[in-house]
Amino acid sequence: MGIIVMIIIGLIAGAIARLLVPGKEDMGWIATILLGIAGGYVGGTLGSLVFAPHEFDFRPPVEHSFIGAIIGAVIILVVYKFIRARV
């Protein structure tokens, strides 16, 4: 999978996660791409811990489930909002 595909999937997953989490976030499209890519890593890691084979995996997020990328991005956004509200 190429980097272009990773960027496109990151943009889509990040945008969907931003739509699912309530509230307005002032982030541009580059931050949304990074959110989706990081969400892919978080979702893929959580998925590999929950489902077999239980191994820690550092594959690019495009090889993980698209749903996992969205779930991971939502988790990152919720944690970010929680930390930002406390500061």
PDB file of N, CA and C in Angstrom:
ATOM      1  N   MET A   1       0.847  -1.175   0.000  1.00  0.00           N
ATOM      2  CA  MET A   1       0.000   0.000   0.000  1.00  0.00           C
ATOM      3  C   MET A   1       0.891   1.236   0.000  1.00  0.00           C
ATOM      4  N   GLY A   2       0.517   2.177  -0.802  1.00  0.00           N
ATOM      5  CA  GLY A   2       1.326   3.364  -0.924  1.00  0.00           C
ATOM      6  C   GLY A   2       0.978   4.418   0.112  1.00  0.00           C
ATOM      7  N   ILE A   3       1.841   5.381   0.176  1.00  0.00           N
ATOM      8  CA  ILE A   3       1.631   6.469   1.142  1.00  0.00           C
ATOM      9  C   ILE A   3       0.410   7.306   0.775  1.00  0.00           C
ATOM     10  N   ILE A   4       0.123   7.399  -0.520  1.00  0.00           N
ATOM     11  CA  ILE A   4      -1.057   8.153  -0.948  1.00  0.00           C
ATOM     12  C   ILE A   4      -2.332   7.496  -0.426  1.00  0.00           C
ATOM     13  N   VAL A   5      -2.402   6.166  -0.492  1.00  0.00           N
ATOM     14  CA  VAL A   5      -3.567   5.440   0.012  1.00  0.00           C
ATOM     15  C   VAL A   5      -3.684   5.637   1.521  1.00  0.00           C
ATOM     16  N   MET A   6      -2.551   5.598   2.229  1.00  0.00           N
ATOM     17  CA  MET A   6      -2.556   5.810   3.673  1.00  0.00           C
ATOM     18  C   MET A   6      -3.066   7.211   4.011  1.00  0.00           C
ATOM     19  N   ILE A   7      -2.680   8.196   3.242  1.00  0.00           N
ATOM     20  CA  ILE A   7      -3.132   9.572   3.471  1.00  0.00           C
ATOM     21  C   ILE A   7      -4.634   9.692   3.204  1.00  0.00           C
ATOM     22  N   ILE A   8      -5.111   9.089   2.132  1.00  0.00           N
ATOM     23  CA  ILE A   8      -6.536   9.174   1.795  1.00  0.00           C
ATOM     24  C   ILE A   8      -7.384   8.467   2.856  1.00  0.00           C
ATOM     25  N   ILE A   9      -6.969   7.277   3.263  1.00  0.00           N
ATOM     26  CA  ILE A   9      -7.718   6.554   4.294  1.00  0.00           C
ATOM     27  C   ILE A   9      -7.634   7.301   5.623  1.00  0.00           C
ATOM     28  N   GLY A  10      -6.487   7.890   5.930  1.00  0.00           N
ATOM     29  CA  GLY A  10      -6.362   8.690   7.145  1.00  0.00           C
ATOM     30  C   GLY A  10      -7.277   9.898   7.137  1.00  0.00           C
ATOM     31  N   LEU A  11      -7.408  10.548   5.987  1.00  0.00           N
ATOM     32  CA  LEU A  11      -8.300  11.701   5.866  1.00  0.00           C
ATOM     33  C   LEU A  11      -9.756  11.288   6.068  1.00  0.00           C
ATOM     34  N   ILE A  12     -10.151  10.195   5.443  1.00  0.00           N
ATOM     35  CA  ILE A  12     -11.538   9.744   5.562  1.00  0.00           C
ATOM     36  C   ILE A  12     -11.840   9.290   6.991  1.00  0.00           C
ATOM     37  N   ALA A  13     -10.950   8.493   7.580  1.00  0.00           N
ATOM     38  CA  ALA A  13     -11.169   8.005   8.950  1.00  0.00           C
ATOM     39  C   ALA A  13     -11.168   9.167   9.944  1.00  0.00           C
ATOM     40  N   GLY A  14     -10.261  10.114   9.784  1.00  0.00           N
ATOM     41  CA  GLY A  14     -10.224  11.275  10.672  1.00  0.00           C
ATOM     42  C   GLY A  14     -11.461  12.145  10.543  1.00  0.00           C
ATOM     43  N   ALA A  15     -11.949  12.316   9.319  1.00  0.00           N
ATOM     44  CA  ALA A  15     -13.150  13.125   9.109  1.00  0.00           C
ATOM     45  C   ALA A  15     -14.380  12.461   9.714  1.00  0.00           C
ATOM     46  N   ILE A  16     -14.495  11.151   9.566  1.00  0.00           N
ATOM     47  CA  ILE A  16     -15.628  10.443  10.160  1.00  0.00           C
ATOM     48  C   ILE A  16     -15.555  10.507  11.679  1.00  0.00           C
ATOM     49  N   ALA A  17     -14.358  10.366  12.237  1.00  0.00           N
ATOM     50  CA  ALA A  17     -14.203  10.450  13.691  1.00  0.00           C
ATOM     51  C   ALA A  17     -14.578  11.835  14.201  1.00  0.00           C
ATOM     52  N   ARG A  18     -14.213  12.869  13.464  1.00  0.00           N
ATOM     53  CA  ARG A  18     -14.577  14.233  13.869  1.00  0.00           C
ATOM     54  C   ARG A  18     -16.085  14.437  13.806  1.00  0.00           C
ATOM     55  N   LEU A  19     -16.764  13.770  12.887  1.00  0.00           N
ATOM     56  CA  LEU A  19     -18.220  13.866  12.817  1.00  0.00           C
ATOM     57  C   LEU A  19     -18.892  13.111  13.962  1.00  0.00           C
ATOM     58  N   LEU A  20     -18.285  12.011  14.412  1.00  0.00           N
ATOM     59  CA  LEU A  20     -18.879  11.194  15.462  1.00  0.00           C
ATOM     60  C   LEU A  20     -18.707  11.780  16.864  1.00  0.00           C
ATOM     61  N   VAL A  21     -17.606  12.495  17.092  1.00  0.00           N
ATOM     62  CA  VAL A  21     -17.351  13.069  18.420  1.00  0.00           C
ATOM     63  C   VAL A  21     -18.022  14.437  18.480  1.00  0.00           C
ATOM     64  N   PRO A  22     -18.887  14.648  19.485  1.00  0.00           N
ATOM     65  CA  PRO A  22     -19.589  15.937  19.562  1.00  0.00           C
ATOM     66  C   PRO A  22     -18.647  17.089  19.887  1.00  0.00           C
ATOM     67  N   GLY A  23     -19.024  18.268  19.443  1.00  0.00           N
ATOM     68  CA  GLY A  23     -18.209  19.458  19.680  1.00  0.00           C
ATOM     69  C   GLY A  23     -17.439  19.844  18.438  1.00  0.00           C
ATOM     70  N   LYS A  24     -16.970  21.081  18.429  1.00  0.00           N
ATOM     71  CA  LYS A  24     -16.236  21.595  17.272  1.00  0.00           C
ATOM     72  C   LYS A  24     -14.748  21.545  17.563  1.00  0.00           C
ATOM     73  N   GLU A  25     -13.999  21.043  16.629  1.00  0.00           N
ATOM     74  CA  GLU A  25     -12.553  21.011  16.720  1.00  0.00           C
ATOM     75  C   GLU A  25     -11.968  21.914  15.647  1.00  0.00           C
ATOM     76  N   ASP A  26     -11.088  22.787  16.041  1.00  0.00           N
ATOM     77  CA  ASP A  26     -10.413  23.666  15.091  1.00  0.00           C
ATOM     78  C   ASP A  26      -9.152  22.984  14.583  1.00  0.00           C
ATOM     79  N   MET A  27      -9.335  22.068  13.661  1.00  0.00           N
ATOM     80  CA  MET A  27      -8.174  21.414  13.062  1.00  0.00           C
ATOM     81  C   MET A  27      -8.359  21.383  11.559  1.00  0.00           C
ATOM     82  N   GLY A  28      -7.276  21.566  10.881  1.00  0.00           N
ATOM     83  CA  GLY A  28      -7.303  21.576   9.427  1.00  0.00           C
ATOM     84  C   GLY A  28      -7.262  20.181   8.850  1.00  0.00           C
ATOM     85  N   TRP A  29      -7.142  20.115   7.554  1.00  0.00           N
ATOM     86  CA  TRP A  29      -7.175  18.813   6.898  1.00  0.00           C
ATOM     87  C   TRP A  29      -5.909  18.009   7.139  1.00  0.00           C
ATOM     88  N   ILE A  30      -4.765  18.671   7.362  1.00  0.00           N
ATOM     89  CA  ILE A  30      -3.527  17.938   7.662  1.00  0.00           C
ATOM     90  C   ILE A  30      -3.629  17.288   9.036  1.00  0.00           C
ATOM     91  N   ALA A  31      -4.158  18.020  10.014  1.00  0.00           N
ATOM     92  CA  ALA A  31      -4.357  17.448  11.347  1.00  0.00           C
ATOM     93  C   ALA A  31      -5.383  16.325  11.302  1.00  0.00           C
ATOM     94  N   THR A  32      -6.375  16.445  10.445  1.00  0.00           N
ATOM     95  CA  THR A  32      -7.375  15.385  10.294  1.00  0.00           C
ATOM     96  C   THR A  32      -6.747  14.128   9.700  1.00  0.00           C
ATOM     97  N   ILE A  33      -5.855  14.294   8.737  1.00  0.00           N
ATOM     98  CA  ILE A  33      -5.129  13.153   8.163  1.00  0.00           C
ATOM     99  C   ILE A  33      -4.284  12.480   9.233  1.00  0.00           C
ATOM    100  N   LEU A  34      -3.550  13.282  10.003  1.00  0.00           N
ATOM    101  CA  LEU A  34      -2.708  12.721  11.063  1.00  0.00           C
ATOM    102  C   LEU A  34      -3.551  12.019  12.120  1.00  0.00           C
ATOM    103  N   LEU A  35      -4.714  12.570  12.419  1.00  0.00           N
ATOM    104  CA  LEU A  35      -5.632  11.935  13.361  1.00  0.00           C
ATOM    105  C   LEU A  35      -6.068  10.570  12.841  1.00  0.00           C
ATOM    106  N   GLY A  36      -6.427  10.487  11.582  1.00  0.00           N
ATOM    107  CA  GLY A  36      -6.839   9.212  10.993  1.00  0.00           C
ATOM    108  C   GLY A  36      -5.719   8.191  10.942  1.00  0.00           C
ATOM    109  N   ILE A  37      -4.508   8.617  10.622  1.00  0.00           N
ATOM    110  CA  ILE A  37      -3.366   7.705  10.579  1.00  0.00           C
ATOM    111  C   ILE A  37      -3.044   7.200  11.979  1.00  0.00           C
ATOM    112  N   ALA A  38      -3.004   8.109  12.962  1.00  0.00           N
ATOM    113  CA  ALA A  38      -2.763   7.698  14.350  1.00  0.00           C
ATOM    114  C   ALA A  38      -3.893   6.800  14.846  1.00  0.00           C
ATOM    115  N   GLY A  39      -5.118   7.100  14.438  1.00  0.00           N
ATOM    116  CA  GLY A  39      -6.249   6.254  14.797  1.00  0.00           C
ATOM    117  C   GLY A  39      -6.118   4.852  14.227  1.00  0.00           C
ATOM    118  N   GLY A  40      -5.534   4.734  13.059  1.00  0.00           N
ATOM    119  CA  GLY A  40      -5.287   3.418  12.477  1.00  0.00           C
ATOM    120  C   GLY A  40      -4.321   2.606  13.312  1.00  0.00           C
ATOM    121  N   TYR A  41      -3.283   3.257  13.818  1.00  0.00           N
ATOM    122  CA  TYR A  41      -2.341   2.559  14.677  1.00  0.00           C
ATOM    123  C   TYR A  41      -2.985   2.164  15.998  1.00  0.00           C
ATOM    124  N   VAL A  42      -3.737   3.082  16.604  1.00  0.00           N
ATOM    125  CA  VAL A  42      -4.401   2.783  17.875  1.00  0.00           C
ATOM    126  C   VAL A  42      -5.432   1.675  17.684  1.00  0.00           C
ATOM    127  N   GLY A  43      -6.283   1.808  16.673  1.00  0.00           N
ATOM    128  CA  GLY A  43      -7.303   0.794  16.412  1.00  0.00           C
ATOM    129  C   GLY A  43      -6.697  -0.549  16.045  1.00  0.00           C
ATOM    130  N   GLY A  44      -5.633  -0.536  15.281  1.00  0.00           N
ATOM    131  CA  GLY A  44      -4.971  -1.792  14.912  1.00  0.00           C
ATOM    132  C   GLY A  44      -4.309  -2.465  16.092  1.00  0.00           C
ATOM    133  N   THR A  45      -3.691  -1.671  16.960  1.00  0.00           N
ATOM    134  CA  THR A  45      -3.064  -2.233  18.151  1.00  0.00           C
ATOM    135  C   THR A  45      -4.115  -2.810  19.090  1.00  0.00           C
ATOM    136  N   LEU A  46      -5.205  -2.066  19.309  1.00  0.00           N
ATOM    137  CA  LEU A  46      -6.276  -2.586  20.161  1.00  0.00           C
ATOM    138  C   LEU A  46      -6.907  -3.833  19.549  1.00  0.00           C
ATOM    139  N   GLY A  47      -7.080  -3.839  18.244  1.00  0.00           N
ATOM    140  CA  GLY A  47      -7.640  -5.006  17.573  1.00  0.00           C
ATOM    141  C   GLY A  47      -6.745  -6.226  17.684  1.00  0.00           C
ATOM    142  N   SER A  48      -5.431  -6.031  17.584  1.00  0.00           N
ATOM    143  CA  SER A  48      -4.521  -7.166  17.695  1.00  0.00           C
ATOM    144  C   SER A  48      -4.422  -7.664  19.133  1.00  0.00           C
ATOM    145  N   LEU A  49      -4.709  -6.789  20.111  1.00  0.00           N
ATOM    146  CA  LEU A  49      -4.711  -7.237  21.497  1.00  0.00           C
ATOM    147  C   LEU A  49      -5.991  -7.990  21.847  1.00  0.00           C
ATOM    148  N   VAL A  50      -7.099  -7.610  21.229  1.00  0.00           N
ATOM    149  CA  VAL A  50      -8.385  -8.233  21.541  1.00  0.00           C
ATOM    150  C   VAL A  50      -8.581  -9.520  20.744  1.00  0.00           C
ATOM    151  N   PHE A  51      -8.231  -9.498  19.473  1.00  0.00           N
ATOM    152  CA  PHE A  51      -8.454 -10.649  18.605  1.00  0.00           C
ATOM    153  C   PHE A  51      -7.148 -11.375  18.354  1.00  0.00           C
ATOM    154  N   ALA A  52      -7.245 -12.663  17.993  1.00  0.00           N
ATOM    155  CA  ALA A  52      -6.069 -13.480  17.713  1.00  0.00           C
ATOM    156  C   ALA A  52      -5.408 -13.014  16.431  1.00  0.00           C
ATOM    157  N   PRO A  53      -4.165 -13.223  16.182  1.00  0.00           N
ATOM    158  CA  PRO A  53      -3.142 -13.749  17.079  1.00  0.00           C
ATOM    159  C   PRO A  53      -2.622 -12.625  17.974  1.00  0.00           C
ATOM    160  N   HIS A  54      -2.586 -12.810  19.220  1.00  0.00           N
ATOM    161  CA  HIS A  54      -2.237 -11.773  20.178  1.00  0.00           C
ATOM    162  C   HIS A  54      -0.761 -11.396  20.057  1.00  0.00           C
ATOM    163  N   GLU A  55      -0.485 -10.514  19.138  1.00  0.00           N
ATOM    164  CA  GLU A  55       0.883 -10.041  18.957  1.00  0.00           C
ATOM    165  C   GLU A  55       0.852  -8.540  18.699  1.00  0.00           C
ATOM    166  N   PHE A  56       1.891  -7.868  19.129  1.00  0.00           N
ATOM    167  CA  PHE A  56       2.000  -6.424  18.931  1.00  0.00           C
ATOM    168  C   PHE A  56       2.475  -6.178  17.524  1.00  0.00           C
ATOM    169  N   ASP A  57       1.771  -5.338  16.776  1.00  0.00           N
ATOM    170  CA  ASP A  57       2.002  -5.206  15.350  1.00  0.00           C
ATOM    171  C   ASP A  57       2.227  -3.751  14.976  1.00  0.00           C
ATOM    172  N   PHE A  58       3.252  -3.495  14.167  1.00  0.00           N
ATOM    173  CA  PHE A  58       3.560  -2.134  13.740  1.00  0.00           C
ATOM    174  C   PHE A  58       3.344  -1.940  12.248  1.00  0.00           C
ATOM    175  N   ARG A  59       2.386  -2.652  11.664  1.00  0.00           N
ATOM    176  CA  ARG A  59       2.102  -2.472  10.241  1.00  0.00           C
ATOM    177  C   ARG A  59       1.453  -1.117  10.011  1.00  0.00           C
ATOM    178  N   PRO A  60       1.546  -0.592   8.789  1.00  0.00           N
ATOM    179  CA  PRO A  60       0.862   0.670   8.491  1.00  0.00           C
ATOM    180  C   PRO A  60      -0.642   0.531   8.669  1.00  0.00           C
ATOM    181  N   PRO A  61      -1.331   1.634   8.993  1.00  0.00           N
ATOM    182  CA  PRO A  61      -2.761   1.538   9.289  1.00  0.00           C
ATOM    183  C   PRO A  61      -3.631   1.130   8.116  1.00  0.00           C
ATOM    184  N   VAL A  62      -3.138   1.230   6.883  1.00  0.00           N
ATOM    185  CA  VAL A  62      -3.976   0.845   5.747  1.00  0.00           C
ATOM    186  C   VAL A  62      -4.195  -0.655   5.700  1.00  0.00           C
ATOM    187  N   GLU A  63      -3.368  -1.433   6.367  1.00  0.00           N
ATOM    188  CA  GLU A  63      -3.547  -2.875   6.379  1.00  0.00           C
ATOM    189  C   GLU A  63      -4.481  -3.315   7.494  1.00  0.00           C
ATOM    190  N   HIS A  64      -4.842  -2.416   8.369  1.00  0.00           N
ATOM    191  CA  HIS A  64      -5.781  -2.725   9.441  1.00  0.00           C
ATOM    192  C   HIS A  64      -7.183  -2.367   8.979  1.00  0.00           C
ATOM    193  N   SER A  65      -8.116  -2.741   9.771  1.00  0.00           N
ATOM    194  CA  SER A  65      -9.515  -2.489   9.442  1.00  0.00           C
ATOM    195  C   SER A  65      -9.805  -0.991   9.407  1.00  0.00           C
ATOM    196  N   PHE A  66     -10.612  -0.591   8.454  1.00  0.00           N
ATOM    197  CA  PHE A  66     -11.007   0.813   8.350  1.00  0.00           C
ATOM    198  C   PHE A  66     -11.843   1.214   9.556  1.00  0.00           C
ATOM    199  N   ILE A  67     -12.673   0.291  10.029  1.00  0.00           N
ATOM    200  CA  ILE A  67     -13.480   0.547  11.223  1.00  0.00           C
ATOM    201  C   ILE A  67     -12.565   0.738  12.428  1.00  0.00           C
ATOM    202  N   GLY A  68     -11.511  -0.054  12.510  1.00  0.00           N
ATOM    203  CA  GLY A  68     -10.544   0.093  13.607  1.00  0.00           C
ATOM    204  C   GLY A  68      -9.871   1.454  13.581  1.00  0.00           C
ATOM    205  N   ALA A  69      -9.600   1.976  12.383  1.00  0.00           N
ATOM    206  CA  ALA A  69      -9.000   3.310  12.266  1.00  0.00           C
ATOM    207  C   ALA A  69      -9.959   4.382  12.770  1.00  0.00           C
ATOM    208  N   ILE A  70     -11.227   4.232  12.473  1.00  0.00           N
ATOM    209  CA  ILE A  70     -12.220   5.195  12.949  1.00  0.00           C
ATOM    210  C   ILE A  70     -12.351   5.115  14.464  1.00  0.00           C
ATOM    211  N   ILE A  71     -12.421   3.897  15.001  1.00  0.00           N
ATOM    212  CA  ILE A  71     -12.526   3.723  16.454  1.00  0.00           C
ATOM    213  C   ILE A  71     -11.302   4.296  17.152  1.00  0.00           C
ATOM    214  N   GLY A  72     -10.123   4.039  16.611  1.00  0.00           N
ATOM    215  CA  GLY A  72      -8.903   4.586  17.197  1.00  0.00           C
ATOM    216  C   GLY A  72      -8.874   6.106  17.151  1.00  0.00           C
ATOM    217  N   ALA A  73      -9.328   6.692  16.055  1.00  0.00           N
ATOM    218  CA  ALA A  73      -9.361   8.151  15.942  1.00  0.00           C
ATOM    219  C   ALA A  73     -10.372   8.756  16.915  1.00  0.00           C
ATOM    220  N   VAL A  74     -11.499   8.076  17.114  1.00  0.00           N
ATOM    221  CA  VAL A  74     -12.485   8.552  18.095  1.00  0.00           C
ATOM    222  C   VAL A  74     -11.885   8.510  19.494  1.00  0.00           C
ATOM    223  N   ILE A  75     -11.178   7.437  19.821  1.00  0.00           N
ATOM    224  CA  ILE A  75     -10.525   7.333  21.133  1.00  0.00           C
ATOM    225  C   ILE A  75      -9.528   8.464  21.324  1.00  0.00           C
ATOM    226  N   ILE A  76      -8.732   8.742  20.311  1.00  0.00           N
ATOM    227  CA  ILE A  76      -7.752   9.824  20.409  1.00  0.00           C
ATOM    228  C   ILE A  76      -8.442  11.165  20.606  1.00  0.00           C
ATOM    229  N   LEU A  77      -9.516  11.426  19.867  1.00  0.00           N
ATOM    230  CA  LEU A  77     -10.247  12.693  20.009  1.00  0.00           C
ATOM    231  C   LEU A  77     -10.869  12.841  21.392  1.00  0.00           C
ATOM    232  N   VAL A  78     -11.450  11.765  21.920  1.00  0.00           N
ATOM    233  CA  VAL A  78     -12.067  11.831  23.245  1.00  0.00           C
ATOM    234  C   VAL A  78     -11.005  12.094  24.313  1.00  0.00           C
ATOM    235  N   VAL A  79      -9.880  11.424  24.225  1.00  0.00           N
ATOM    236  CA  VAL A  79      -8.789  11.652  25.189  1.00  0.00           C
ATOM    237  C   VAL A  79      -8.259  13.069  25.051  1.00  0.00           C
ATOM    238  N   TYR A  80      -8.107  13.560  23.829  1.00  0.00           N
ATOM    239  CA  TYR A  80      -7.630  14.917  23.599  1.00  0.00           C
ATOM    240  C   TYR A  80      -8.584  15.955  24.209  1.00  0.00           C
ATOM    241  N   LYS A  81      -9.885  15.750  23.993  1.00  0.00           N
ATOM    242  CA  LYS A  81     -10.859  16.693  24.550  1.00  0.00           C
ATOM    243  C   LYS A  81     -10.865  16.639  26.071  1.00  0.00           C
ATOM    244  N   PHE A  82     -10.716  15.447  26.650  1.00  0.00           N
ATOM    245  CA  PHE A  82     -10.681  15.311  28.089  1.00  0.00           C
ATOM    246  C   PHE A  82      -9.467  16.040  28.675  1.00  0.00           C
ATOM    247  N   ILE A  83      -8.310  15.860  28.072  1.00  0.00           N
ATOM    248  CA  ILE A  83      -7.088  16.507  28.562  1.00  0.00           C
ATOM    249  C   ILE A  83      -7.186  18.019  28.364  1.00  0.00           C
ATOM    250  N   ARG A  84      -7.696  18.454  27.229  1.00  0.00           N
ATOM    251  CA  ARG A  84      -7.819  19.890  26.971  1.00  0.00           C
ATOM    252  C   ARG A  84      -8.808  20.564  27.926  1.00  0.00           C
ATOM    253  N   ALA A  85      -9.864  19.860  28.313  1.00  0.00           N
ATOM    254  CA  ALA A  85     -10.834  20.418  29.249  1.00  0.00           C
ATOM    255  C   ALA A  85     -10.265  20.519  30.656  1.00  0.00           C
ATOM    256  N   ARG A  86      -9.331  19.650  30.998  1.00  0.00           N
ATOM    257  CA  ARG A  86      -8.753  19.662  32.335  1.00  0.00           C
ATOM    258  C   ARG A  86      -7.652  20.702  32.495  1.00  0.00           C
ATOM    259  N   VAL A  87      -7.066  21.145  31.401  1.00  0.00           N
ATOM    260  CA  VAL A  87      -5.952  22.106  31.467  1.00  0.00           C
ATOM    261  C   VAL A  87      -6.428  23.511  31.465  1.00  0.00           C
TER     262      VAL A  87
END
